[in-house]
Amino acid sequence: MSEFAAEFIGTMFLILLGNGVVANVVLNGTKGNNSGWMVITTAWALAVFVGVVIASPFSGAHLNPAVTVALAIAQKFSWAKVPLFILAQLLGAMAGSLLVWVMYKDHYALTEDKGLKLATFCTSPALKNKKASNFISEVIGTFVLLFVIFYFTNAEMGKDKTPIGLGSLGAIPVAFLVWAIGLSLGGTTGYAINPVRDLGPRIMHSVLPVDKKGSSEWEYAWIPAIAPLVGGSLAALCYHWLNI
């Protein structure tokens, strides 16, 4: 599998399972309706695990432009490959979101709340008039994600040199990390922590014939698109400074 295909397919599965659980929880008439935040954060963590397992042997499983850019800043990834990886991630996110819509199409028709329909595609802040706070929340969440990932990539933990790269099991620490971020830091913005996780599905929300869908809230979209890149870049710079 090529690196482009790996990033595309890995990101597609990430969004299919991640946005799929949101649809299962918030849309009317589903088996998982109203099952709550714990279900959402757990399934998102498992979605990350699945995406990483698929893509890791071929591309390193970035699945996130913030990861790609941060690794390039830290001189762990070639800048020449950055645009290709981001394009694959964006297209994969759009494809995954399309599949969620196909899967739950009948339940969108049963749901009157336009905000809940939007939530199955992209993030939206708990407090919409707090743009500075929302931006900072995404920066902090992504900083935590990338700062810890940099230490995962050393392929060992602690003085006993416990290996991380245990085949598919090597994806478990990243899944736990995303789970922790969702449970602890996700309450303000829905923890996009990934520009394409928000942008790709938001594009699909704007173009798909979702029944009575309402606004795609493009006035907010710049925050989950830019803040994760800032947070990831700061994590890369901090990691580099600490390891000079």
Protein backbone atom coordinates (compact mmCIF):
# COMPACT_ATOMS: atom_id res chain seq x y z
CA MET A 1 0.00 0.00 0.00
CA SER A 2 1.31 3.49 -0.82
CA GLU A 3 1.70 6.15 1.84
CA PHE A 4 -1.10 8.19 0.22
CA ALA A 5 -3.47 5.21 0.23
CA ALA A 6 -2.58 4.36 3.82
CA GLU A 7 -3.30 7.88 5.06
CA PHE A 8 -6.52 8.01 3.03
CA ILE A 9 -7.85 4.65 4.23
CA GLY A 10 -6.67 5.08 7.82
CA THR A 11 -8.32 8.49 8.08
CA MET A 12 -11.47 7.20 6.40
CA PHE A 13 -11.85 4.47 9.02
CA LEU A 14 -11.05 6.96 11.79
CA ILE A 15 -13.91 9.25 10.73
CA LEU A 16 -16.30 6.43 9.83
CA LEU A 17 -16.05 4.96 13.33
CA GLY A 18 -15.58 8.26 15.16
CA ASN A 19 -18.42 10.19 13.57
CA GLY A 20 -20.36 6.94 13.41
CA VAL A 21 -20.54 6.73 17.19
CA VAL A 22 -21.71 10.34 17.39
CA ALA A 23 -24.50 9.52 14.93
CA ASN A 24 -25.41 6.43 16.94
CA VAL A 25 -25.64 8.43 20.17
CA VAL A 26 -27.38 11.63 19.03
CA LEU A 27 -29.66 10.71 16.11
CA ASN A 28 -33.23 9.62 16.82
CA GLY A 29 -34.24 5.99 16.58
CA THR A 30 -30.79 4.42 16.82
CA LYS A 31 -29.91 1.56 19.16
CA GLY A 32 -27.35 3.76 20.92
CA ASN A 33 -29.47 6.91 21.28
CA ASN A 34 -28.62 8.95 24.39
CA SER A 35 -25.89 6.55 25.51
CA GLY A 36 -23.65 9.47 26.41
CA TRP A 37 -20.19 11.01 26.41
CA MET A 38 -18.38 7.93 27.70
CA VAL A 39 -19.57 5.93 24.70
CA ILE A 40 -18.49 8.69 22.31
CA THR A 41 -15.02 9.15 23.78
CA THR A 42 -14.42 5.41 24.03
CA ALA A 43 -15.41 4.75 20.43
CA TRP A 44 -13.31 7.68 19.19
CA ALA A 45 -10.31 6.17 20.98
CA LEU A 46 -11.01 2.82 19.35
CA ALA A 47 -11.44 4.55 15.99
CA VAL A 48 -7.93 5.96 16.39
CA PHE A 49 -6.67 2.46 17.21
CA VAL A 50 -8.23 1.07 14.02
CA GLY A 51 -6.88 3.86 11.84
CA VAL A 52 -3.39 3.53 13.27
CA VAL A 53 -3.36 -0.26 12.87
CA ILE A 54 -4.27 0.08 9.19
CA ALA A 55 -1.91 2.88 8.22
CA SER A 56 1.05 2.53 10.56
CA PRO A 57 3.04 -0.10 8.59
CA PHE A 58 2.87 1.98 5.41
CA SER A 59 2.83 5.68 6.34
CA GLY A 60 3.42 5.90 10.08
CA ALA A 61 -0.30 6.61 10.57
CA HIS A 62 -0.33 10.38 10.93
CA LEU A 63 -4.06 10.65 10.07
CA ASN A 64 -3.89 14.28 11.16
CA PRO A 65 -2.21 17.35 9.59
CA ALA A 66 -1.21 18.53 13.06
CA VAL A 67 0.81 15.33 13.47
CA THR A 68 2.32 15.63 9.99
CA VAL A 69 3.38 19.27 10.44
CA ALA A 70 4.66 18.71 13.98
CA LEU A 71 6.82 15.78 12.89
CA ALA A 72 8.22 17.89 10.05
CA ILE A 73 9.04 20.72 12.48
CA ALA A 74 10.80 18.21 14.73
CA GLN A 75 12.79 17.00 11.70
CA LYS A 76 11.25 13.55 11.94
CA PHE A 77 9.40 13.83 8.61
CA SER A 78 10.16 15.32 5.21
CA TRP A 79 8.51 18.67 4.46
CA ALA A 80 8.24 17.58 0.81
CA LYS A 81 5.68 14.92 1.78
CA VAL A 82 3.54 17.20 3.95
CA PRO A 83 1.11 18.41 1.22
CA LEU A 84 0.53 14.87 -0.08
CA PHE A 85 -0.19 13.51 3.39
CA ILE A 86 -2.59 16.36 4.22
CA LEU A 87 -4.46 15.87 0.94
CA ALA A 88 -4.84 12.14 1.62
CA GLN A 89 -6.07 12.85 5.15
CA LEU A 90 -8.62 15.43 3.98
CA LEU A 91 -10.01 13.16 1.27
CA GLY A 92 -10.12 10.24 3.70
CA ALA A 93 -12.03 12.32 6.24
CA MET A 94 -14.54 13.34 3.58
CA ALA A 95 -14.99 9.72 2.47
CA GLY A 96 -15.49 8.53 6.05
CA SER A 97 -18.10 11.21 6.67
CA LEU A 98 -19.93 10.25 3.49
CA LEU A 99 -20.14 6.66 4.71
CA VAL A 100 -21.58 7.77 8.06
CA TRP A 101 -24.30 9.68 6.22
CA VAL A 102 -25.09 6.68 4.04
CA MET A 103 -25.20 4.43 7.11
CA TYR A 104 -27.52 6.66 9.15
CA LYS A 105 -29.48 8.36 6.35
CA ASP A 106 -32.88 7.20 7.64
CA HIS A 107 -32.08 8.42 11.15
CA TYR A 108 -31.17 11.89 9.93
CA ALA A 109 -34.71 12.09 8.57
CA LEU A 110 -36.09 11.17 12.02
CA THR A 111 -34.04 13.85 13.82
CA GLU A 112 -35.40 17.39 14.05
CA ASP A 113 -32.49 19.03 15.92
CA LYS A 114 -30.18 20.62 13.33
CA GLY A 115 -27.35 20.96 15.84
CA LEU A 116 -27.37 17.22 16.53
CA LYS A 117 -27.17 16.53 12.81
CA LEU A 118 -24.18 18.86 12.50
CA ALA A 119 -22.51 17.12 15.46
CA THR A 120 -22.35 13.89 13.47
CA PHE A 121 -20.14 15.68 10.95
CA CYS A 122 -17.97 18.22 12.77
CA THR A 123 -17.30 19.87 16.10
CA SER A 124 -19.13 22.77 17.70
CA PRO A 125 -18.19 24.57 20.93
CA ALA A 126 -20.23 24.38 24.11
CA LEU A 127 -19.98 28.18 24.38
CA LYS A 128 -20.19 29.63 20.90
CA ASN A 129 -19.34 33.23 21.86
CA LYS A 130 -16.00 32.33 23.48
CA LYS A 131 -13.78 32.11 20.41
CA ALA A 132 -10.52 32.87 22.24
CA SER A 133 -11.23 30.22 24.88
CA ASN A 134 -12.26 27.70 22.23
CA PHE A 135 -9.08 28.37 20.27
CA ILE A 136 -6.96 27.87 23.40
CA SER A 137 -8.82 24.66 24.22
CA GLU A 138 -7.95 23.17 20.83
CA VAL A 139 -4.34 24.35 21.17
CA ILE A 140 -3.97 22.70 24.58
CA GLY A 141 -5.68 19.46 23.52
CA THR A 142 -3.48 19.10 20.45
CA PHE A 143 -0.36 20.07 22.40
CA VAL A 144 -1.04 17.17 24.78
CA LEU A 145 -1.65 14.81 21.86
CA LEU A 146 1.57 15.63 20.04
CA PHE A 147 3.83 16.09 23.03
CA VAL A 148 3.00 12.60 24.27
CA ILE A 149 3.15 11.08 20.77
CA PHE A 150 6.72 12.33 20.41
CA TYR A 151 7.68 10.14 23.35
CA PHE A 152 5.75 7.18 21.94
CA THR A 153 7.84 7.43 18.75
CA ASN A 154 10.98 6.68 20.74
CA ALA A 155 9.67 3.08 20.72
CA GLU A 156 10.44 2.56 24.38
CA MET A 157 9.13 3.71 27.75
CA GLY A 158 11.06 4.21 30.97
CA LYS A 159 14.31 2.80 32.24
CA ASP A 160 13.24 -0.79 31.60
CA LYS A 161 12.94 0.00 27.85
CA THR A 162 9.42 -1.39 27.54
CA PRO A 163 8.77 -1.58 23.79
CA ILE A 164 5.90 0.34 22.20
CA GLY A 165 6.16 -1.18 18.74
CA LEU A 166 4.41 -4.47 19.48
CA GLY A 167 2.75 -4.94 16.12
CA SER A 168 -0.90 -3.86 16.22
CA LEU A 169 -0.69 -3.49 20.00
CA GLY A 170 1.60 -0.51 19.42
CA ALA A 171 -1.54 1.51 18.55
CA ILE A 172 -3.02 1.04 22.03
CA PRO A 173 -1.07 3.87 23.75
CA VAL A 174 -2.27 6.37 21.13
CA ALA A 175 -5.86 5.18 21.60
CA PHE A 176 -5.58 5.60 25.37
CA LEU A 177 -4.10 9.07 24.87
CA VAL A 178 -7.01 10.20 22.67
CA TRP A 179 -9.46 8.66 25.14
CA ALA A 180 -7.90 10.63 27.99
CA ILE A 181 -7.97 13.87 25.99
CA GLY A 182 -11.64 13.36 25.17
CA LEU A 183 -12.64 12.62 28.74
CA SER A 184 -10.56 15.37 30.32
CA LEU A 185 -10.31 18.16 27.74
CA GLY A 186 -13.13 17.52 25.28
CA GLY A 187 -15.95 19.29 27.07
CA THR A 188 -15.33 22.75 25.65
CA THR A 189 -15.09 22.22 21.89
CA GLY A 190 -15.63 18.50 21.28
CA TYR A 191 -11.84 18.05 20.89
CA ALA A 192 -11.27 18.17 17.15
CA ILE A 193 -7.46 18.13 17.73
CA ASN A 194 -7.23 17.37 14.01
CA PRO A 195 -7.93 19.89 11.22
CA VAL A 196 -9.26 17.37 8.68
CA ARG A 197 -11.38 15.56 11.26
CA ASP A 198 -13.43 18.76 11.35
CA LEU A 199 -12.92 20.32 7.92
CA GLY A 200 -13.51 17.24 5.76
CA PRO A 201 -16.84 16.29 7.36
CA ARG A 202 -17.91 19.96 7.53
CA ILE A 203 -17.45 20.16 3.76
CA MET A 204 -19.57 17.04 3.39
CA HIS A 205 -22.27 18.51 5.63
CA SER A 206 -22.43 21.53 3.37
CA VAL A 207 -22.78 19.52 0.14
CA LEU A 208 -24.73 16.38 1.08
CA PRO A 209 -28.55 16.42 0.94
CA VAL A 210 -28.96 15.94 4.68
CA ASP A 211 -32.64 16.31 5.59
CA LYS A 212 -33.29 19.80 7.08
CA LYS A 213 -29.65 20.11 8.04
CA GLY A 214 -29.28 23.79 8.89
CA SER A 215 -26.04 25.78 8.95
CA SER A 216 -22.57 24.25 8.60
CA GLU A 217 -21.27 26.97 10.98
CA TRP A 218 -18.38 28.03 8.76
CA GLU A 219 -17.83 31.06 11.00
CA TYR A 220 -16.41 28.67 13.61
CA ALA A 221 -14.55 26.33 11.23
CA TRP A 222 -11.25 28.26 11.32
CA ILE A 223 -10.69 27.36 14.99
CA PRO A 224 -10.54 23.54 14.63
CA ALA A 225 -8.62 24.04 11.38
CA ILE A 226 -5.87 26.32 12.73
CA ALA A 227 -5.65 25.78 16.50
CA PRO A 228 -4.55 22.11 16.23
CA LEU A 229 -1.72 23.14 13.90
CA VAL A 230 -0.64 25.73 16.46
CA GLY A 231 -0.84 23.26 19.34
CA GLY A 232 1.04 20.57 17.44
CA SER A 233 3.74 23.02 16.35
CA LEU A 234 4.23 24.22 19.92
CA ALA A 235 4.53 20.62 21.09
CA ALA A 236 7.19 19.95 18.44
CA LEU A 237 9.17 23.04 19.44
CA CYS A 238 8.91 22.17 23.13
CA TYR A 239 9.98 18.57 22.51
CA HIS A 240 12.93 19.78 20.45
CA TRP A 241 13.97 22.27 23.13
CA LEU A 242 13.77 19.66 25.89
CA ASN A 243 15.86 17.21 23.90
CA ILE A 244 18.62 19.47 22.56
